[in-house]
Amino acid sequence: MTSTDLLNVLELTKGNLSTHMKKLEDGGLVKIDKKFIGRKPRTSYRCTKKGKKEVQNYLTTIESVLKASA
């Protein structure tokens, strides 16, 4: 996903998005790719295998909490 897409979906500032994504990259959860398309910079992000596993664990935990509180 490109940084522009994430900015629109998450309604964050460029600085906030950059800070959050750097922390996720440091944790090995996302891969950041920066390149130029023509003369325009393009930053894109992709979830790593570890990141996908962590998201799945998070969703499983949330689902358990919601079932327990119902």
C-alpha atoms as a PDB file:
ATOM      1  CA  MET A   1       0.000   0.000   0.000  1.00  0.00           C
ATOM      2  CA  THR A   2       1.333   3.455  -0.796  1.00  0.00           C
ATOM      3  CA  SER A   3       1.825   6.161   1.784  1.00  0.00           C
ATOM      4  CA  THR A   4      -0.819   8.286   0.048  1.00  0.00           C
ATOM      5  CA  ASP A   5      -3.385   5.488   0.352  1.00  0.00           C
ATOM      6  CA  LEU A   6      -2.575   4.976   4.033  1.00  0.00           C
ATOM      7  CA  LEU A   7      -2.769   8.711   4.736  1.00  0.00           C
ATOM      8  CA  ASN A   8      -6.247   8.818   3.218  1.00  0.00           C
ATOM      9  CA  VAL A   9      -7.528   5.694   4.966  1.00  0.00           C
ATOM     10  CA  LEU A  10      -6.047   6.389   8.395  1.00  0.00           C
ATOM     11  CA  GLU A  11      -6.447  10.179   8.302  1.00  0.00           C
ATOM     12  CA  LEU A  12      -2.961  10.734   9.719  1.00  0.00           C
ATOM     13  CA  THR A  13      -0.425  13.437   8.976  1.00  0.00           C
ATOM     14  CA  LYS A  14       2.665  12.516   6.992  1.00  0.00           C
ATOM     15  CA  GLY A  15       4.788  12.883  10.124  1.00  0.00           C
ATOM     16  CA  ASN A  16       2.547  10.645  12.221  1.00  0.00           C
ATOM     17  CA  LEU A  17       2.399   7.977   9.538  1.00  0.00           C
ATOM     18  CA  SER A  18       6.158   8.057   9.092  1.00  0.00           C
ATOM     19  CA  THR A  19       6.765   7.692  12.834  1.00  0.00           C
ATOM     20  CA  HIS A  20       4.344   4.790  13.222  1.00  0.00           C
ATOM     21  CA  MET A  21       5.607   2.955  10.162  1.00  0.00           C
ATOM     22  CA  LYS A  22       9.253   3.349  11.231  1.00  0.00           C
ATOM     23  CA  LYS A  23       8.433   1.696  14.575  1.00  0.00           C
ATOM     24  CA  LEU A  24       6.647  -1.141  12.780  1.00  0.00           C
ATOM     25  CA  GLU A  25       9.629  -1.523  10.453  1.00  0.00           C
ATOM     26  CA  ASP A  26      12.013  -1.596  13.434  1.00  0.00           C
ATOM     27  CA  GLY A  27       9.897  -4.400  14.897  1.00  0.00           C
ATOM     28  CA  GLY A  28      10.099  -6.366  11.650  1.00  0.00           C
ATOM     29  CA  LEU A  29       6.362  -6.059  11.019  1.00  0.00           C
ATOM     30  CA  VAL A  30       6.440  -4.023   7.807  1.00  0.00           C
ATOM     31  CA  LYS A  31       8.846  -3.467   4.938  1.00  0.00           C
ATOM     32  CA  ILE A  32       9.223   0.087   3.657  1.00  0.00           C
ATOM     33  CA  ASP A  33      10.127   0.620  -0.003  1.00  0.00           C
ATOM     34  CA  LYS A  34      11.147   4.098  -1.173  1.00  0.00           C
ATOM     35  CA  LYS A  35      11.762   4.836  -4.832  1.00  0.00           C
ATOM     36  CA  PHE A  36      11.172   7.429  -7.513  1.00  0.00           C
ATOM     37  CA  ILE A  37       8.587   7.029 -10.243  1.00  0.00           C
ATOM     38  CA  GLY A  38       9.743   9.534 -12.809  1.00  0.00           C
ATOM     39  CA  ARG A  39      10.631  12.491 -10.625  1.00  0.00           C
ATOM     40  CA  LYS A  40       8.089  11.781  -7.915  1.00  0.00           C
ATOM     41  CA  PRO A  41       9.039   9.966  -4.716  1.00  0.00           C
ATOM     42  CA  ARG A  42       6.902   6.965  -3.856  1.00  0.00           C
ATOM     43  CA  THR A  43       6.877   5.201  -0.512  1.00  0.00           C
ATOM     44  CA  SER A  44       5.063   1.925  -0.161  1.00  0.00           C
ATOM     45  CA  TYR A  45       4.586  -0.465   2.720  1.00  0.00           C
ATOM     46  CA  ARG A  46       4.021  -4.170   2.883  1.00  0.00           C
ATOM     47  CA  CYS A  47       3.319  -6.427   5.797  1.00  0.00           C
ATOM     48  CA  THR A  48       6.041  -8.991   6.499  1.00  0.00           C
ATOM     49  CA  LYS A  49       5.383 -12.618   7.334  1.00  0.00           C
ATOM     50  CA  LYS A  50       5.994 -11.757  10.998  1.00  0.00           C
ATOM     51  CA  GLY A  51       3.622  -8.791  10.690  1.00  0.00           C
ATOM     52  CA  LYS A  52       0.848 -10.958   9.240  1.00  0.00           C
ATOM     53  CA  LYS A  53       1.281 -13.441  12.069  1.00  0.00           C
ATOM     54  CA  GLU A  54       1.120 -10.687  14.685  1.00  0.00           C
ATOM     55  CA  VAL A  55      -2.040  -9.218  13.140  1.00  0.00           C
ATOM     56  CA  GLN A  56      -3.664 -12.650  13.158  1.00  0.00           C
ATOM     57  CA  ASN A  57      -2.685 -13.161  16.822  1.00  0.00           C
ATOM     58  CA  TYR A  58      -4.133  -9.753  17.677  1.00  0.00           C
ATOM     59  CA  LEU A  59      -7.417 -10.490  15.906  1.00  0.00           C
ATOM     60  CA  THR A  60      -7.686 -13.896  17.603  1.00  0.00           C
ATOM     61  CA  THR A  61      -7.137 -12.274  21.006  1.00  0.00           C
ATOM     62  CA  ILE A  62      -9.727  -9.552  20.346  1.00  0.00           C
ATOM     63  CA  GLU A  63     -12.228 -12.161  19.161  1.00  0.00           C
ATOM     64  CA  SER A  64     -11.688 -14.155  22.381  1.00  0.00           C
ATOM     65  CA  VAL A  65     -12.176 -11.062  24.534  1.00  0.00           C
ATOM     66  CA  LEU A  66     -15.376 -10.141  22.712  1.00  0.00           C
ATOM     67  CA  LYS A  67     -16.783 -13.675  23.041  1.00  0.00           C
ATOM     68  CA  ALA A  68     -15.923 -13.773  26.748  1.00  0.00           C
ATOM     69  CA  SER A  69     -17.662 -10.467  27.412  1.00  0.00           C
ATOM     70  CA  ALA A  70     -20.866 -11.330  25.497  1.00  0.00           C
END
